[in-house]
Amino acid sequence: MVAYLNAALEDGDSTVLLEALRDVAQAKGRMGALMKTAGMSRESLYRTLSRRGSPNIETIMRILRALGLRLTVERDGGGVKCRSAQR
């Protein structure tokens, strides 16, 4: 489950992550429990985890916590290089 969600994150497409979260929740047979724990209605949860879903970070964090997961950040080696301020 964790490897599957990490692969979805690495894809870089938010719709892939939302579908992966839905797949995990459905595979665990936990949509009902997930709704209650995340404090979401059935309609809201399914809409959030659909291809058209556009949840905010708070909603994603609630869903992850309800699944017993957390989001972490790590350096990938790319991106913008920061310079220290020179005085």
C-alpha atoms as a PDB file:
ATOM      1  CA  MET A   1       0.000   0.000   0.000  1.00  0.00           C
ATOM      2  CA  VAL A   2       2.736   2.492   0.953  1.00  0.00           C
ATOM      3  CA  ALA A   3       4.843   1.656  -2.106  1.00  0.00           C
ATOM      4  CA  TYR A   4       1.769   2.035  -4.331  1.00  0.00           C
ATOM      5  CA  LEU A   5       0.976   5.491  -2.907  1.00  0.00           C
ATOM      6  CA  ASN A   6       4.629   6.576  -3.126  1.00  0.00           C
ATOM      7  CA  ALA A   7       4.703   5.533  -6.778  1.00  0.00           C
ATOM      8  CA  ALA A   8       1.551   7.589  -7.355  1.00  0.00           C
ATOM      9  CA  LEU A   9       3.233  10.606  -5.730  1.00  0.00           C
ATOM     10  CA  GLU A  10       6.344  10.179  -7.864  1.00  0.00           C
ATOM     11  CA  ASP A  11       4.184  10.253 -10.986  1.00  0.00           C
ATOM     12  CA  GLY A  12       3.616  13.944 -10.317  1.00  0.00           C
ATOM     13  CA  ASP A  13       0.002  13.907 -11.520  1.00  0.00           C
ATOM     14  CA  SER A  14      -2.432  14.728  -8.712  1.00  0.00           C
ATOM     15  CA  THR A  15      -5.208  12.679 -10.310  1.00  0.00           C
ATOM     16  CA  VAL A  16      -3.001   9.584 -10.081  1.00  0.00           C
ATOM     17  CA  LEU A  17      -2.548  10.164  -6.341  1.00  0.00           C
ATOM     18  CA  LEU A  18      -6.285  10.672  -5.791  1.00  0.00           C
ATOM     19  CA  GLU A  19      -7.103   7.474  -7.659  1.00  0.00           C
ATOM     20  CA  ALA A  20      -4.440   5.582  -5.710  1.00  0.00           C
ATOM     21  CA  LEU A  21      -5.917   6.815  -2.413  1.00  0.00           C
ATOM     22  CA  ARG A  22      -9.350   5.677  -3.557  1.00  0.00           C
ATOM     23  CA  ASP A  23      -7.960   2.286  -4.623  1.00  0.00           C
ATOM     24  CA  VAL A  24      -6.313   1.793  -1.229  1.00  0.00           C
ATOM     25  CA  ALA A  25      -9.462   2.743   0.660  1.00  0.00           C
ATOM     26  CA  GLN A  26     -11.639   0.473  -1.477  1.00  0.00           C
ATOM     27  CA  ALA A  27      -9.191  -2.442  -1.317  1.00  0.00           C
ATOM     28  CA  LYS A  28      -9.232  -2.271   2.458  1.00  0.00           C
ATOM     29  CA  GLY A  29     -13.040  -2.195   2.390  1.00  0.00           C
ATOM     30  CA  ARG A  30     -12.846   0.910   4.529  1.00  0.00           C
ATOM     31  CA  MET A  31     -14.764   3.579   2.655  1.00  0.00           C
ATOM     32  CA  GLY A  32     -17.441   3.760   5.364  1.00  0.00           C
ATOM     33  CA  ALA A  33     -14.913   3.893   8.187  1.00  0.00           C
ATOM     34  CA  LEU A  34     -12.788   6.332   6.196  1.00  0.00           C
ATOM     35  CA  MET A  35     -15.749   8.683   5.782  1.00  0.00           C
ATOM     36  CA  LYS A  36     -16.386   8.716   9.520  1.00  0.00           C
ATOM     37  CA  THR A  37     -12.762   9.036  10.577  1.00  0.00           C
ATOM     38  CA  ALA A  38     -12.022  11.767   8.005  1.00  0.00           C
ATOM     39  CA  GLY A  39     -15.267  13.553   8.902  1.00  0.00           C
ATOM     40  CA  MET A  40     -16.545  13.532   5.317  1.00  0.00           C
ATOM     41  CA  SER A  41     -19.826  12.576   3.719  1.00  0.00           C
ATOM     42  CA  ARG A  42     -19.898   9.683   1.261  1.00  0.00           C
ATOM     43  CA  GLU A  43     -20.541  12.032  -1.654  1.00  0.00           C
ATOM     44  CA  SER A  44     -17.749  14.381  -0.610  1.00  0.00           C
ATOM     45  CA  LEU A  45     -15.232  11.551  -0.185  1.00  0.00           C
ATOM     46  CA  TYR A  46     -15.997   9.980  -3.565  1.00  0.00           C
ATOM     47  CA  ARG A  47     -15.950  13.371  -5.278  1.00  0.00           C
ATOM     48  CA  THR A  48     -12.631  14.246  -3.613  1.00  0.00           C
ATOM     49  CA  LEU A  49     -11.028  10.976  -4.711  1.00  0.00           C
ATOM     50  CA  SER A  50     -12.321  11.162  -8.280  1.00  0.00           C
ATOM     51  CA  ARG A  51     -10.370  12.287 -11.342  1.00  0.00           C
ATOM     52  CA  ARG A  52     -12.229  15.596 -11.099  1.00  0.00           C
ATOM     53  CA  GLY A  53     -11.444  15.999  -7.408  1.00  0.00           C
ATOM     54  CA  SER A  54      -9.463  19.030  -6.394  1.00  0.00           C
ATOM     55  CA  PRO A  55      -8.947  18.660  -2.656  1.00  0.00           C
ATOM     56  CA  ASN A  56      -6.904  21.037  -0.571  1.00  0.00           C
ATOM     57  CA  ILE A  57      -3.945  19.810   1.476  1.00  0.00           C
ATOM     58  CA  GLU A  58      -6.037  19.683   4.658  1.00  0.00           C
ATOM     59  CA  THR A  59      -8.449  17.225   3.053  1.00  0.00           C
ATOM     60  CA  ILE A  60      -5.601  15.033   1.778  1.00  0.00           C
ATOM     61  CA  MET A  61      -4.054  15.035   5.257  1.00  0.00           C
ATOM     62  CA  ARG A  62      -7.390  14.031   6.854  1.00  0.00           C
ATOM     63  CA  ILE A  63      -7.763  11.142   4.422  1.00  0.00           C
ATOM     64  CA  LEU A  64      -4.178   9.979   4.976  1.00  0.00           C
ATOM     65  CA  ARG A  65      -4.593  10.134   8.772  1.00  0.00           C
ATOM     66  CA  ALA A  66      -7.840   8.172   8.493  1.00  0.00           C
ATOM     67  CA  LEU A  67      -5.907   5.492   6.588  1.00  0.00           C
ATOM     68  CA  GLY A  68      -3.198   5.479   9.270  1.00  0.00           C
ATOM     69  CA  LEU A  69      -0.693   7.187   6.975  1.00  0.00           C
ATOM     70  CA  ARG A  70       1.222  10.458   6.888  1.00  0.00           C
ATOM     71  CA  LEU A  71       2.816  12.570   4.210  1.00  0.00           C
ATOM     72  CA  THR A  72       6.563  13.198   4.305  1.00  0.00           C
ATOM     73  CA  VAL A  73       8.882  15.343   2.221  1.00  0.00           C
ATOM     74  CA  GLU A  74      12.383  14.460   1.133  1.00  0.00           C
ATOM     75  CA  ARG A  75      14.976  16.059  -1.099  1.00  0.00           C
ATOM     76  CA  ASP A  76      15.051  14.686  -4.644  1.00  0.00           C
ATOM     77  CA  GLY A  77      18.327  16.277  -5.693  1.00  0.00           C
ATOM     78  CA  GLY A  78      16.765  18.547  -8.302  1.00  0.00           C
ATOM     79  CA  GLY A  79      15.047  21.854  -8.031  1.00  0.00           C
ATOM     80  CA  VAL A  80      16.216  25.349  -7.298  1.00  0.00           C
ATOM     81  CA  LYS A  81      19.503  25.810  -5.463  1.00  0.00           C
ATOM     82  CA  CYS A  82      19.372  28.267  -2.580  1.00  0.00           C
ATOM     83  CA  ARG A  83      22.235  30.604  -1.804  1.00  0.00           C
ATOM     84  CA  SER A  84      22.883  31.923   1.640  1.00  0.00           C
ATOM     85  CA  ALA A  85      22.503  35.663   2.031  1.00  0.00           C
ATOM     86  CA  GLN A  86      25.760  37.538   1.659  1.00  0.00           C
ATOM     87  CA  ARG A  87      26.371  40.613   3.802  1.00  0.00           C
END
